[in-house]
Protein backbone atom coordinates (compact mmCIF):
# COMPACT_ATOMS: atom_id res chain seq x y z
CA UNK A 1 122.61 84.24 98.74
CA UNK A 2 119.94 81.62 99.40
CA UNK A 3 119.32 82.79 102.96
CA UNK A 4 118.23 86.45 103.12
CA UNK A 5 118.89 86.86 106.85
CA UNK A 6 121.07 89.90 107.54
CA UNK A 7 123.90 88.82 109.83
CA UNK A 8 126.26 90.85 111.99
CA UNK A 9 129.76 89.67 111.19
CA UNK A 10 132.93 90.73 112.99
CA UNK A 11 136.21 90.43 111.07
CA UNK A 12 139.50 90.87 112.95
CA UNK A 13 142.69 91.01 110.91
CA UNK A 14 145.73 93.27 111.05
CA UNK A 15 145.90 93.21 107.22
CA UNK A 16 143.66 96.06 106.00
CA UNK A 17 143.30 94.41 102.58
CA UNK A 18 141.79 91.26 104.14
CA UNK A 19 139.38 93.37 106.20
CA UNK A 20 138.37 95.34 103.10
CA UNK A 21 137.98 92.22 100.94
CA UNK A 22 135.78 90.41 103.45
CA UNK A 23 133.78 93.51 104.37
CA UNK A 24 133.09 94.28 100.71
CA UNK A 25 132.16 90.71 99.75
CA UNK A 26 130.00 90.00 102.79
CA UNK A 27 128.33 93.42 102.73
CA UNK A 28 127.32 92.73 99.12
CA UNK A 29 125.62 89.60 100.47
CA UNK A 30 123.48 91.89 102.64
CA UNK A 31 125.34 91.50 105.93
CA UNK A 32 126.43 94.14 108.45
CA UNK A 33 130.22 93.72 108.70
CA UNK A 34 132.43 95.29 111.35
CA UNK A 35 136.22 95.11 110.98
CA UNK A 36 138.98 95.58 113.53
CA UNK A 37 142.81 95.51 113.25
CA UNK A 38 143.28 93.30 116.32
CA UNK A 39 141.12 91.71 119.03
CA UNK A 40 141.78 94.46 121.57
CA UNK A 41 140.00 96.94 119.25
CA UNK A 42 136.89 94.73 119.15
CA UNK A 43 133.95 95.70 121.40
CA UNK A 44 134.00 92.27 123.06
CA UNK A 45 133.09 92.91 126.74
CA UNK A 46 135.39 90.20 128.15
CA UNK A 47 138.38 92.06 126.70
CA UNK A 48 137.42 95.32 128.38
CA UNK A 49 137.51 93.85 131.88
CA UNK A 50 139.92 90.93 132.12
CA UNK A 51 138.73 87.82 133.93
CA UNK A 52 135.10 88.93 133.84
CA UNK A 53 132.14 86.95 132.61
CA UNK A 54 130.40 88.45 129.59
CA UNK A 55 127.63 90.73 130.90
CA UNK A 56 125.73 90.61 127.60
CA UNK A 57 122.52 88.61 127.47
CA UNK A 58 122.90 88.07 123.71
CA UNK A 59 125.88 87.55 121.37
CA UNK A 60 127.68 90.56 119.92
CA UNK A 61 127.72 88.97 116.48
CA UNK A 62 126.34 86.06 114.50
CA UNK A 63 129.77 85.26 113.06
CA UNK A 64 133.32 86.12 114.14
CA UNK A 65 136.36 85.66 111.89
CA UNK A 66 139.82 86.28 113.30
CA UNK A 67 143.34 86.08 111.97
CA UNK A 68 145.65 84.13 114.23
CA UNK A 69 148.89 86.14 114.12
CA UNK A 70 148.16 89.73 115.15
CA UNK A 71 149.51 92.43 117.42
CA UNK A 72 148.39 92.55 121.06
CA UNK A 73 146.59 89.18 121.08
CA UNK A 74 146.44 86.15 118.81
CA UNK A 75 143.15 85.00 117.34
CA UNK A 76 143.48 81.76 119.29
CA UNK A 77 143.92 83.61 122.58
CA UNK A 78 141.02 85.88 121.65
CA UNK A 79 138.66 82.94 121.13
CA UNK A 80 139.94 81.25 124.30
CA UNK A 81 139.33 84.46 126.27
CA UNK A 82 135.84 84.73 124.80
CA UNK A 83 135.07 81.12 125.72
CA UNK A 84 136.38 81.55 129.28
CA UNK A 85 134.34 84.73 129.63
CA UNK A 86 131.08 83.15 128.51
CA UNK A 87 130.84 84.50 124.96
CA UNK A 88 127.32 83.93 123.63
CA UNK A 89 128.35 83.56 119.96
CA UNK A 90 128.32 79.90 118.89
CA UNK A 91 131.77 78.37 118.47
CA UNK A 92 130.79 76.79 115.16
CA UNK A 93 130.12 80.30 113.81
CA UNK A 94 133.67 81.40 114.51
CA UNK A 95 136.62 80.97 112.18
CA UNK A 96 140.36 81.37 112.39
CA UNK A 97 142.39 82.38 109.34
CA UNK A 98 146.14 82.34 108.95
CA UNK A 99 148.93 82.27 106.42
CA UNK A 100 151.10 80.62 109.06
CA UNK A 101 149.78 77.13 109.57
CA UNK A 102 151.09 74.75 112.16
CA UNK A 103 149.62 71.62 113.68
CA UNK A 104 149.07 73.67 116.83
CA UNK A 105 146.84 76.04 114.85
CA UNK A 106 144.74 73.20 113.46
CA UNK A 107 144.55 71.59 116.92
CA UNK A 108 143.49 74.90 118.50
CA UNK A 109 140.73 75.41 115.92
CA UNK A 110 139.52 71.87 116.52
CA UNK A 111 139.60 72.34 120.31
CA UNK A 112 137.71 75.62 120.02
CA UNK A 113 135.13 74.08 117.70
CA UNK A 114 135.68 76.68 115.02
CA UNK A 115 136.39 76.67 111.29
CA UNK A 116 139.92 77.16 109.94
CA UNK A 117 140.82 78.86 106.65
CA UNK A 118 144.36 78.96 105.31
CA UNK A 119 145.52 82.16 103.60
CA UNK A 120 145.33 82.66 100.77
CA UNK A 121 141.74 81.44 101.03
CA UNK A 122 139.13 81.33 98.30
CA UNK A 123 136.52 84.00 98.89
CA UNK A 124 133.83 81.61 97.69
CA UNK A 125 134.74 79.26 100.57
CA UNK A 126 134.22 82.02 103.13
CA UNK A 127 130.90 83.04 101.56
CA UNK A 128 129.72 79.41 101.51
CA UNK A 129 130.70 78.97 105.18
CA UNK A 130 128.82 82.17 106.11
CA UNK A 131 125.72 80.79 104.36
CA UNK A 132 126.09 77.56 106.37
CA UNK A 133 126.38 79.59 109.59
CA UNK A 134 123.23 81.52 108.67
CA UNK A 135 121.26 78.27 108.61
CA UNK A 136 122.21 77.64 112.26
CA UNK A 137 120.97 81.02 113.46
CA UNK A 138 117.33 81.17 114.60
CA UNK A 139 115.12 83.66 112.75
CA UNK A 140 114.15 85.28 116.08
CA UNK A 141 117.72 85.71 117.34
CA UNK A 142 118.62 88.90 119.17
CA UNK A 143 122.07 90.52 119.19
CA UNK A 144 123.66 92.63 121.89
CA UNK A 145 123.72 96.38 121.45
CA UNK A 146 127.28 97.40 120.65
CA UNK A 147 126.59 101.04 121.41
């Protein structure tokens, strides 16, 4: 990895093999990777108290990757909820992944300003995107304490 900055990356996918694959690959790149089976398991403050504005001063993560089709809440709804609640993580450092691709999915990713990866994706594409995200993150950035 050209950039040696250690990032906090949140991966949300109901497929344990995808979580394990991404956690293993990105951890080997030196990043701290947290995985969750669906958005409601994520420590995102706006999900804990519906219709509230994020109380965090700093983002919870540098990068967030979410599957679209999951139990309890879709990845699209998750990112929309985050945006409405004032999520501090940059939209361009968020990505949606899905094996089910529709024009609505592509349109939603475009509207949200996030990356879109179609399953099966190439791991090298995810790693390259993470490296691009790292270049957008200031060296002095601070992340929220997740407890």
